[in-house]
Amino acid sequence: WTAGLQGLGVVIHLAFWAQQKVISLVYATALNLIGY
């Protein structure tokens, strides 16, 4: 589960890099929620 969640965090970084029109608050919040 930990590896899967961390992989999701990496994918979120890559998705934001590919499409930077995503609101930065969504980017930050998603990464923080995955951390919790």
PDB file of all heavy atoms in Angstrom:
ATOM      1  N   TRP A   1       0.830  -1.207   0.000  1.00  0.00           N
ATOM      2  CA  TRP A   1       0.000   0.000   0.000  1.00  0.00           C
ATOM      3  C   TRP A   1       0.868   1.262   0.000  1.00  0.00           C
ATOM      4  O   TRP A   1       0.585   2.228  -0.715  1.00  0.00           O
ATOM      5  CB  TRP A   1      -0.925   0.011   1.218  1.00  0.00           C
ATOM      6  CG  TRP A   1      -2.065  -0.923   1.073  1.00  0.00           C
ATOM      7  CD1 TRP A   1      -2.153  -2.208   1.533  1.00  0.00           C
ATOM      8  CD2 TRP A   1      -3.288  -0.664   0.384  1.00  0.00           C
ATOM      9  NE1 TRP A   1      -3.365  -2.754   1.186  1.00  0.00           N
ATOM     10  CE2 TRP A   1      -4.077  -1.824   0.480  1.00  0.00           C
ATOM     11  CE3 TRP A   1      -3.797   0.441  -0.299  1.00  0.00           C
ATOM     12  CZ2 TRP A   1      -5.333  -1.913  -0.090  1.00  0.00           C
ATOM     13  CZ3 TRP A   1      -5.062   0.358  -0.851  1.00  0.00           C
ATOM     14  CH2 TRP A   1      -5.815  -0.811  -0.751  1.00  0.00           C
ATOM     15  N   THR A   2       1.925   1.245   0.803  1.00  0.00           N
ATOM     16  CA  THR A   2       2.812   2.402   0.884  1.00  0.00           C
ATOM     17  C   THR A   2       3.469   2.669  -0.466  1.00  0.00           C
ATOM     18  O   THR A   2       3.516   3.816  -0.924  1.00  0.00           O
ATOM     19  CB  THR A   2       3.871   2.179   1.981  1.00  0.00           C
ATOM     20  OG1 THR A   2       3.198   1.921   3.215  1.00  0.00           O
ATOM     21  CG2 THR A   2       4.761   3.380   2.145  1.00  0.00           C
ATOM     22  N   ALA A   3       3.961   1.622  -1.109  1.00  0.00           N
ATOM     23  CA  ALA A   3       4.587   1.784  -2.425  1.00  0.00           C
ATOM     24  C   ALA A   3       3.577   2.301  -3.445  1.00  0.00           C
ATOM     25  O   ALA A   3       3.886   3.196  -4.241  1.00  0.00           O
ATOM     26  CB  ALA A   3       5.194   0.466  -2.891  1.00  0.00           C
ATOM     27  N   GLY A   4       2.368   1.758  -3.414  1.00  0.00           N
ATOM     28  CA  GLY A   4       1.334   2.212  -4.348  1.00  0.00           C
ATOM     29  C   GLY A   4       0.958   3.671  -4.150  1.00  0.00           C
ATOM     30  O   GLY A   4       0.825   4.430  -5.109  1.00  0.00           O
ATOM     31  N   LEU A   5       0.797   4.066  -2.902  1.00  0.00           N
ATOM     32  CA  LEU A   5       0.465   5.464  -2.615  1.00  0.00           C
ATOM     33  C   LEU A   5       1.604   6.397  -3.019  1.00  0.00           C
ATOM     34  O   LEU A   5       1.370   7.476  -3.582  1.00  0.00           O
ATOM     35  CB  LEU A   5       0.143   5.640  -1.125  1.00  0.00           C
ATOM     36  CG  LEU A   5      -1.181   5.031  -0.677  1.00  0.00           C
ATOM     37  CD1 LEU A   5      -1.228   4.912   0.849  1.00  0.00           C
ATOM     38  CD2 LEU A   5      -2.347   5.875  -1.182  1.00  0.00           C
ATOM     39  N   GLN A   6       2.840   5.980  -2.749  1.00  0.00           N
ATOM     40  CA  GLN A   6       3.980   6.811  -3.130  1.00  0.00           C
ATOM     41  C   GLN A   6       4.086   6.904  -4.649  1.00  0.00           C
ATOM     42  O   GLN A   6       4.409   7.963  -5.183  1.00  0.00           O
ATOM     43  CB  GLN A   6       5.279   6.253  -2.535  1.00  0.00           C
ATOM     44  CG  GLN A   6       6.460   7.169  -2.718  1.00  0.00           C
ATOM     45  CD  GLN A   6       6.292   8.480  -1.973  1.00  0.00           C
ATOM     46  OE1 GLN A   6       5.807   8.511  -0.857  1.00  0.00           O
ATOM     47  NE2 GLN A   6       6.706   9.568  -2.595  1.00  0.00           N
ATOM     48  N   GLY A   7       3.805   5.797  -5.336  1.00  0.00           N
ATOM     49  CA  GLY A   7       3.791   5.831  -6.800  1.00  0.00           C
ATOM     50  C   GLY A   7       2.749   6.800  -7.321  1.00  0.00           C
ATOM     51  O   GLY A   7       2.980   7.517  -8.304  1.00  0.00           O
ATOM     52  N   LEU A   8       1.597   6.845  -6.673  1.00  0.00           N
ATOM     53  CA  LEU A   8       0.560   7.809  -7.039  1.00  0.00           C
ATOM     54  C   LEU A   8       1.064   9.240  -6.877  1.00  0.00           C
ATOM     55  O   LEU A   8       0.800  10.105  -7.716  1.00  0.00           O
ATOM     56  CB  LEU A   8      -0.690   7.576  -6.194  1.00  0.00           C
ATOM     57  CG  LEU A   8      -1.888   8.480  -6.461  1.00  0.00           C
ATOM     58  CD1 LEU A   8      -2.357   8.358  -7.901  1.00  0.00           C
ATOM     59  CD2 LEU A   8      -3.013   8.146  -5.491  1.00  0.00           C
ATOM     60  N   GLY A   9       1.819   9.480  -5.805  1.00  0.00           N
ATOM     61  CA  GLY A   9       2.404  10.810  -5.608  1.00  0.00           C
ATOM     62  C   GLY A   9       3.346  11.191  -6.733  1.00  0.00           C
ATOM     63  O   GLY A   9       3.333  12.333  -7.223  1.00  0.00           O
ATOM     64  N   VAL A  10       4.158  10.249  -7.185  1.00  0.00           N
ATOM     65  CA  VAL A  10       5.073  10.511  -8.303  1.00  0.00           C
ATOM     66  C   VAL A  10       4.274  10.804  -9.573  1.00  0.00           C
ATOM     67  O   VAL A  10       4.596  11.728 -10.327  1.00  0.00           O
ATOM     68  CB  VAL A  10       6.042   9.328  -8.501  1.00  0.00           C
ATOM     69  CG1 VAL A  10       6.851   9.487  -9.777  1.00  0.00           C
ATOM     70  CG2 VAL A  10       6.985   9.199  -7.299  1.00  0.00           C
ATOM     71  N   VAL A  11       3.204  10.044  -9.796  1.00  0.00           N
ATOM     72  CA  VAL A  11       2.361  10.268 -10.972  1.00  0.00           C
ATOM     73  C   VAL A  11       1.732  11.663 -10.924  1.00  0.00           C
ATOM     74  O   VAL A  11       1.605  12.336 -11.954  1.00  0.00           O
ATOM     75  CB  VAL A  11       1.285   9.163 -11.091  1.00  0.00           C
ATOM     76  CG1 VAL A  11       0.227   9.522 -12.116  1.00  0.00           C
ATOM     77  CG2 VAL A  11       1.942   7.844 -11.449  1.00  0.00           C
ATOM     78  N   ILE A  12       1.345  12.124  -9.743  1.00  0.00           N
ATOM     79  CA  ILE A  12       0.771  13.474  -9.620  1.00  0.00           C
ATOM     80  C   ILE A  12       1.806  14.522 -10.009  1.00  0.00           C
ATOM     81  O   ILE A  12       1.489  15.492 -10.714  1.00  0.00           O
ATOM     82  CB  ILE A  12       0.223  13.708  -8.199  1.00  0.00           C
ATOM     83  CG1 ILE A  12      -1.047  12.874  -8.005  1.00  0.00           C
ATOM     84  CG2 ILE A  12      -0.043  15.181  -7.941  1.00  0.00           C
ATOM     85  CD1 ILE A  12      -1.558  12.851  -6.585  1.00  0.00           C
ATOM     86  N   HIS A  13       3.052  14.352  -9.581  1.00  0.00           N
ATOM     87  CA  HIS A  13       4.114  15.277 -10.016  1.00  0.00           C
ATOM     88  C   HIS A  13       4.218  15.289 -11.543  1.00  0.00           C
ATOM     89  O   HIS A  13       4.273  16.360 -12.162  1.00  0.00           O
ATOM     90  CB  HIS A  13       5.476  14.841  -9.465  1.00  0.00           C
ATOM     91  CG  HIS A  13       5.712  15.150  -8.028  1.00  0.00           C
ATOM     92  ND1 HIS A  13       5.824  16.429  -7.532  1.00  0.00           N
ATOM     93  CD2 HIS A  13       5.896  14.320  -6.972  1.00  0.00           C
ATOM     94  CE1 HIS A  13       6.062  16.373  -6.238  1.00  0.00           C
ATOM     95  NE2 HIS A  13       6.111  15.108  -5.870  1.00  0.00           N
ATOM     96  N   LEU A  14       4.249  14.094 -12.131  1.00  0.00           N
ATOM     97  CA  LEU A  14       4.401  14.001 -13.587  1.00  0.00           C
ATOM     98  C   LEU A  14       3.197  14.577 -14.320  1.00  0.00           C
ATOM     99  O   LEU A  14       3.347  15.232 -15.350  1.00  0.00           O
ATOM    100  CB  LEU A  14       4.639  12.538 -13.988  1.00  0.00           C
ATOM    101  CG  LEU A  14       5.931  11.917 -13.446  1.00  0.00           C
ATOM    102  CD1 LEU A  14       5.985  10.430 -13.781  1.00  0.00           C
ATOM    103  CD2 LEU A  14       7.156  12.639 -13.965  1.00  0.00           C
ATOM    104  N   ALA A  15       2.007  14.357 -13.779  1.00  0.00           N
ATOM    105  CA  ALA A  15       0.793  14.910 -14.408  1.00  0.00           C
ATOM    106  C   ALA A  15       0.799  16.430 -14.353  1.00  0.00           C
ATOM    107  O   ALA A  15       0.439  17.097 -15.331  1.00  0.00           O
ATOM    108  CB  ALA A  15      -0.451  14.357 -13.715  1.00  0.00           C
ATOM    109  N   PHE A  16       1.223  16.985 -13.227  1.00  0.00           N
ATOM    110  CA  PHE A  16       1.282  18.445 -13.123  1.00  0.00           C
ATOM    111  C   PHE A  16       2.339  18.991 -14.074  1.00  0.00           C
ATOM    112  O   PHE A  16       2.149  20.055 -14.673  1.00  0.00           O
ATOM    113  CB  PHE A  16       1.583  18.861 -11.682  1.00  0.00           C
ATOM    114  CG  PHE A  16       1.495  20.351 -11.461  1.00  0.00           C
ATOM    115  CD1 PHE A  16       0.272  20.985 -11.441  1.00  0.00           C
ATOM    116  CD2 PHE A  16       2.638  21.103 -11.275  1.00  0.00           C
ATOM    117  CE1 PHE A  16       0.171  22.358 -11.244  1.00  0.00           C
ATOM    118  CE2 PHE A  16       2.551  22.476 -11.083  1.00  0.00           C
ATOM    119  CZ  PHE A  16       1.320  23.097 -11.065  1.00  0.00           C
ATOM    120  N   TRP A  17       3.433  18.285 -14.225  1.00  0.00           N
ATOM    121  CA  TRP A  17       4.488  18.699 -15.141  1.00  0.00           C
ATOM    122  C   TRP A  17       3.972  18.682 -16.580  1.00  0.00           C
ATOM    123  O   TRP A  17       4.248  19.586 -17.365  1.00  0.00           O
ATOM    124  CB  TRP A  17       5.674  17.780 -14.971  1.00  0.00           C
ATOM    125  CG  TRP A  17       6.943  18.201 -15.658  1.00  0.00           C
ATOM    126  CD1 TRP A  17       7.215  19.391 -16.277  1.00  0.00           C
ATOM    127  CD2 TRP A  17       8.132  17.424 -15.790  1.00  0.00           C
ATOM    128  NE1 TRP A  17       8.481  19.395 -16.763  1.00  0.00           N
ATOM    129  CE2 TRP A  17       9.078  18.198 -16.478  1.00  0.00           C
ATOM    130  CE3 TRP A  17       8.491  16.157 -15.381  1.00  0.00           C
ATOM    131  CZ2 TRP A  17      10.355  17.746 -16.779  1.00  0.00           C
ATOM    132  CZ3 TRP A  17       9.761  15.715 -15.674  1.00  0.00           C
ATOM    133  CH2 TRP A  17      10.680  16.487 -16.357  1.00  0.00           C
ATOM    134  N   ALA A  18       3.194  17.660 -16.934  1.00  0.00           N
ATOM    135  CA  ALA A  18       2.663  17.534 -18.292  1.00  0.00           C
ATOM    136  C   ALA A  18       1.575  18.559 -18.581  1.00  0.00           C
ATOM    137  O   ALA A  18       1.455  19.048 -19.700  1.00  0.00           O
ATOM    138  CB  ALA A  18       2.111  16.129 -18.508  1.00  0.00           C
ATOM    139  N   GLN A  19       0.778  18.894 -17.566  1.00  0.00           N
ATOM    140  CA  GLN A  19      -0.346  19.811 -17.759  1.00  0.00           C
ATOM    141  C   GLN A  19      -0.372  20.791 -16.600  1.00  0.00           C
ATOM    142  O   GLN A  19      -1.046  20.557 -15.605  1.00  0.00           O
ATOM    143  CB  GLN A  19      -1.652  19.023 -17.843  1.00  0.00           C
ATOM    144  CG  GLN A  19      -2.897  19.831 -18.012  1.00  0.00           C
ATOM    145  CD  GLN A  19      -2.863  20.699 -19.243  1.00  0.00           C
ATOM    146  OE1 GLN A  19      -2.283  21.776 -19.219  1.00  0.00           O
ATOM    147  NE2 GLN A  19      -3.494  20.263 -20.306  1.00  0.00           N
ATOM    148  N   GLN A  20       0.310  21.890 -16.727  1.00  0.00           N
ATOM    149  CA  GLN A  20       0.437  22.824 -15.610  1.00  0.00           C
ATOM    150  C   GLN A  20      -0.766  23.752 -15.454  1.00  0.00           C
ATOM    151  O   GLN A  20      -0.719  24.705 -14.692  1.00  0.00           O
ATOM    152  CB  GLN A  20       1.729  23.621 -15.732  1.00  0.00           C
ATOM    153  CG  GLN A  20       2.929  22.736 -15.515  1.00  0.00           C
ATOM    154  CD  GLN A  20       4.218  23.525 -15.419  1.00  0.00           C
ATOM    155  OE1 GLN A  20       4.216  24.738 -15.411  1.00  0.00           O
ATOM    156  NE2 GLN A  20       5.314  22.809 -15.345  1.00  0.00           N
ATOM    157  N   LYS A  21      -1.848  23.445 -16.135  1.00  0.00           N
ATOM    158  CA  LYS A  21      -3.067  24.224 -15.944  1.00  0.00           C
ATOM    159  C   LYS A  21      -3.824  23.781 -14.695  1.00  0.00           C
ATOM    160  O   LYS A  21      -4.783  24.411 -14.298  1.00  0.00           O
ATOM    161  CB  LYS A  21      -3.964  24.121 -17.175  1.00  0.00           C
ATOM    162  CG  LYS A  21      -3.388  24.809 -18.386  1.00  0.00           C
ATOM    163  CD  LYS A  21      -4.315  24.710 -19.559  1.00  0.00           C
ATOM    164  CE  LYS A  21      -3.661  25.358 -20.770  1.00  0.00           C
ATOM    165  NZ  LYS A  21      -4.478  25.224 -21.960  1.00  0.00           N
ATOM    166  N   VAL A  22      -3.377  22.665 -14.096  1.00  0.00           N
ATOM    167  CA  VAL A  22      -3.986  22.207 -12.854  1.00  0.00           C
ATOM    168  C   VAL A  22      -3.733  23.265 -11.793  1.00  0.00           C
ATOM    169  O   VAL A  22      -2.643  23.829 -11.701  1.00  0.00           O
ATOM    170  CB  VAL A  22      -3.373  20.854 -12.406  1.00  0.00           C
ATOM    171  CG1 VAL A  22      -3.901  20.428 -11.055  1.00  0.00           C
ATOM    172  CG2 VAL A  22      -3.627  19.791 -13.458  1.00  0.00           C
ATOM    173  N   ILE A  23      -4.730  23.547 -10.997  1.00  0.00           N
ATOM    174  CA  ILE A  23      -4.589  24.553  -9.946  1.00  0.00           C
ATOM    175  C   ILE A  23      -3.536  24.079  -8.954  1.00  0.00           C
ATOM    176  O   ILE A  23      -3.540  22.930  -8.514  1.00  0.00           O
ATOM    177  CB  ILE A  23      -5.940  24.780  -9.239  1.00  0.00           C
ATOM    178  CG1 ILE A  23      -6.975  25.274 -10.253  1.00  0.00           C
ATOM    179  CG2 ILE A  23      -5.794  25.759  -8.087  1.00  0.00           C
ATOM    180  CD1 ILE A  23      -8.386  25.287  -9.737  1.00  0.00           C
ATOM    181  N   SER A  24      -2.622  24.970  -8.595  1.00  0.00           N
ATOM    182  CA  SER A  24      -1.514  24.588  -7.715  1.00  0.00           C
ATOM    183  C   SER A  24      -2.011  24.109  -6.351  1.00  0.00           C
ATOM    184  O   SER A  24      -1.377  23.255  -5.729  1.00  0.00           O
ATOM    185  CB  SER A  24      -0.540  25.750  -7.555  1.00  0.00           C
ATOM    186  OG  SER A  24      -1.190  26.883  -7.032  1.00  0.00           O
ATOM    187  N   LEU A  25      -3.137  24.608  -5.890  1.00  0.00           N
ATOM    188  CA  LEU A  25      -3.688  24.152  -4.612  1.00  0.00           C
ATOM    189  C   LEU A  25      -4.064  22.668  -4.681  1.00  0.00           C
ATOM    190  O   LEU A  25      -3.854  21.925  -3.735  1.00  0.00           O
ATOM    191  CB  LEU A  25      -4.902  24.995  -4.222  1.00  0.00           C
ATOM    192  CG  LEU A  25      -5.575  24.635  -2.904  1.00  0.00           C
ATOM    193  CD1 LEU A  25      -4.603  24.817  -1.737  1.00  0.00           C
ATOM    194  CD2 LEU A  25      -6.814  25.475  -2.696  1.00  0.00           C
ATOM    195  N   VAL A  26      -4.588  22.237  -5.816  1.00  0.00           N
ATOM    196  CA  VAL A  26      -4.939  20.833  -6.003  1.00  0.00           C
ATOM    197  C   VAL A  26      -3.671  19.986  -5.978  1.00  0.00           C
ATOM    198  O   VAL A  26      -3.633  18.917  -5.355  1.00  0.00           O
ATOM    199  CB  VAL A  26      -5.700  20.631  -7.333  1.00  0.00           C
ATOM    200  CG1 VAL A  26      -5.933  19.160  -7.630  1.00  0.00           C
ATOM    201  CG2 VAL A  26      -7.018  21.390  -7.303  1.00  0.00           C
ATOM    202  N   TYR A  27      -2.632  20.448  -6.628  1.00  0.00           N
ATOM    203  CA  TYR A  27      -1.336  19.751  -6.664  1.00  0.00           C
ATOM    204  C   TYR A  27      -0.791  19.578  -5.254  1.00  0.00           C
ATOM    205  O   TYR A  27      -0.460  18.467  -4.832  1.00  0.00           O
ATOM    206  CB  TYR A  27      -0.389  20.581  -7.539  1.00  0.00           C
ATOM    207  CG  TYR A  27       1.031  20.108  -7.696  1.00  0.00           C
ATOM    208  CD1 TYR A  27       1.340  18.775  -7.930  1.00  0.00           C
ATOM    209  CD2 TYR A  27       2.068  21.021  -7.677  1.00  0.00           C
ATOM    210  CE1 TYR A  27       2.652  18.362  -8.121  1.00  0.00           C
ATOM    211  CE2 TYR A  27       3.391  20.625  -7.862  1.00  0.00           C
ATOM    212  CZ  TYR A  27       3.671  19.291  -8.085  1.00  0.00           C
ATOM    213  OH  TYR A  27       4.967  18.898  -8.268  1.00  0.00           O
ATOM    214  N   ALA A  28      -0.730  20.648  -4.497  1.00  0.00           N
ATOM    215  CA  ALA A  28      -0.197  20.599  -3.133  1.00  0.00           C
ATOM    216  C   ALA A  28      -1.063  19.731  -2.223  1.00  0.00           C
ATOM    217  O   ALA A  28      -0.555  18.926  -1.438  1.00  0.00           O
ATOM    218  CB  ALA A  28      -0.084  22.013  -2.571  1.00  0.00           C
ATOM    219  N   THR A  29      -2.368  19.888  -2.322  1.00  0.00           N
ATOM    220  CA  THR A  29      -3.285  19.137  -1.459  1.00  0.00           C
ATOM    221  C   THR A  29      -3.213  17.639  -1.750  1.00  0.00           C
ATOM    222  O   THR A  29      -3.179  16.825  -0.823  1.00  0.00           O
ATOM    223  CB  THR A  29      -4.730  19.647  -1.641  1.00  0.00           C
ATOM    224  OG1 THR A  29      -4.758  21.048  -1.345  1.00  0.00           O
ATOM    225  CG2 THR A  29      -5.687  18.923  -0.733  1.00  0.00           C
ATOM    226  N   ALA A  30      -3.177  17.279  -3.016  1.00  0.00           N
ATOM    227  CA  ALA A  30      -3.107  15.857  -3.372  1.00  0.00           C
ATOM    228  C   ALA A  30      -1.849  15.217  -2.802  1.00  0.00           C
ATOM    229  O   ALA A  30      -1.903  14.128  -2.226  1.00  0.00           O
ATOM    230  CB  ALA A  30      -3.148  15.697  -4.887  1.00  0.00           C
ATOM    231  N   LEU A  31      -0.713  15.892  -2.929  1.00  0.00           N
ATOM    232  CA  LEU A  31       0.528  15.324  -2.406  1.00  0.00           C
ATOM    233  C   LEU A  31       0.490  15.219  -0.884  1.00  0.00           C
ATOM    234  O   LEU A  31       0.960  14.235  -0.307  1.00  0.00           O
ATOM    235  CB  LEU A  31       1.722  16.169  -2.854  1.00  0.00           C
ATOM    236  CG  LEU A  31       2.031  16.085  -4.346  1.00  0.00           C
ATOM    237  CD1 LEU A  31       3.162  17.041  -4.700  1.00  0.00           C
ATOM    238  CD2 LEU A  31       2.380  14.669  -4.771  1.00  0.00           C
ATOM    239  N   ASN A  32      -0.079  16.207  -0.217  1.00  0.00           N
ATOM    240  CA  ASN A  32      -0.168  16.151   1.245  1.00  0.00           C
ATOM    241  C   ASN A  32      -1.113  15.051   1.717  1.00  0.00           C
ATOM    242  O   ASN A  32      -0.820  14.355   2.692  1.00  0.00           O
ATOM    243  CB  ASN A  32      -0.598  17.507   1.805  1.00  0.00           C
ATOM    244  CG  ASN A  32       0.543  18.501   1.793  1.00  0.00           C
ATOM    245  OD1 ASN A  32       1.638  18.191   2.256  1.00  0.00           O
ATOM    246  ND2 ASN A  32       0.300  19.674   1.256  1.00  0.00           N
ATOM    247  N   LEU A  33      -2.241  14.887   1.049  1.00  0.00           N
ATOM    248  CA  LEU A  33      -3.177  13.826   1.440  1.00  0.00           C
ATOM    249  C   LEU A  33      -2.557  12.444   1.267  1.00  0.00           C
ATOM    250  O   LEU A  33      -2.767  11.549   2.097  1.00  0.00           O
ATOM    251  CB  LEU A  33      -4.477  13.941   0.644  1.00  0.00           C
ATOM    252  CG  LEU A  33      -5.371  15.124   1.014  1.00  0.00           C
ATOM    253  CD1 LEU A  33      -6.571  15.198   0.085  1.00  0.00           C
ATOM    254  CD2 LEU A  33      -5.811  15.040   2.463  1.00  0.00           C
ATOM    255  N   ILE A  34      -1.793  12.269   0.203  1.00  0.00           N
ATOM    256  CA  ILE A  34      -1.103  10.989   0.007  1.00  0.00           C
ATOM    257  C   ILE A  34      -0.105  10.758   1.144  1.00  0.00           C
ATOM    258  O   ILE A  34       0.025   9.641   1.650  1.00  0.00           O
ATOM    259  CB  ILE A  34      -0.426  10.945  -1.373  1.00  0.00           C
ATOM    260  CG1 ILE A  34      -1.504  10.824  -2.456  1.00  0.00           C
ATOM    261  CG2 ILE A  34       0.575   9.796  -1.463  1.00  0.00           C
ATOM    262  CD1 ILE A  34      -1.005  11.019  -3.849  1.00  0.00           C
ATOM    263  N   GLY A  35       0.569  11.801   1.578  1.00  0.00           N
ATOM    264  CA  GLY A  35       1.499  11.672   2.698  1.00  0.00           C
ATOM    265  C   GLY A  35       0.804  11.201   3.963  1.00  0.00           C
ATOM    266  O   GLY A  35       1.320  10.326   4.676  1.00  0.00           O
ATOM    267  N   TYR A  36      -0.370  11.735   4.246  1.00  0.00           N
ATOM    268  CA  TYR A  36      -1.114  11.285   5.429  1.00  0.00           C
ATOM    269  C   TYR A  36      -1.589   9.841   5.282  1.00  0.00           C
ATOM    270  O   TYR A  36      -1.612   9.084   6.248  1.00  0.00           O
ATOM    271  CB  TYR A  36      -2.285  12.219   5.723  1.00  0.00           C
ATOM    272  CG  TYR A  36      -1.830  13.544   6.274  1.00  0.00           C
ATOM    273  CD1 TYR A  36      -2.019  14.721   5.567  1.00  0.00           C
ATOM    274  CD2 TYR A  36      -1.182  13.628   7.506  1.00  0.00           C
ATOM    275  CE1 TYR A  36      -1.582  15.933   6.062  1.00  0.00           C
ATOM    276  CE2 TYR A  36      -0.741  14.830   8.012  1.00  0.00           C
ATOM    277  CZ  TYR A  36      -0.948  15.984   7.287  1.00  0.00           C
ATOM    278  OH  TYR A  36      -0.509  17.180   7.784  1.00  0.00           O
TER     279      TYR A  36
END
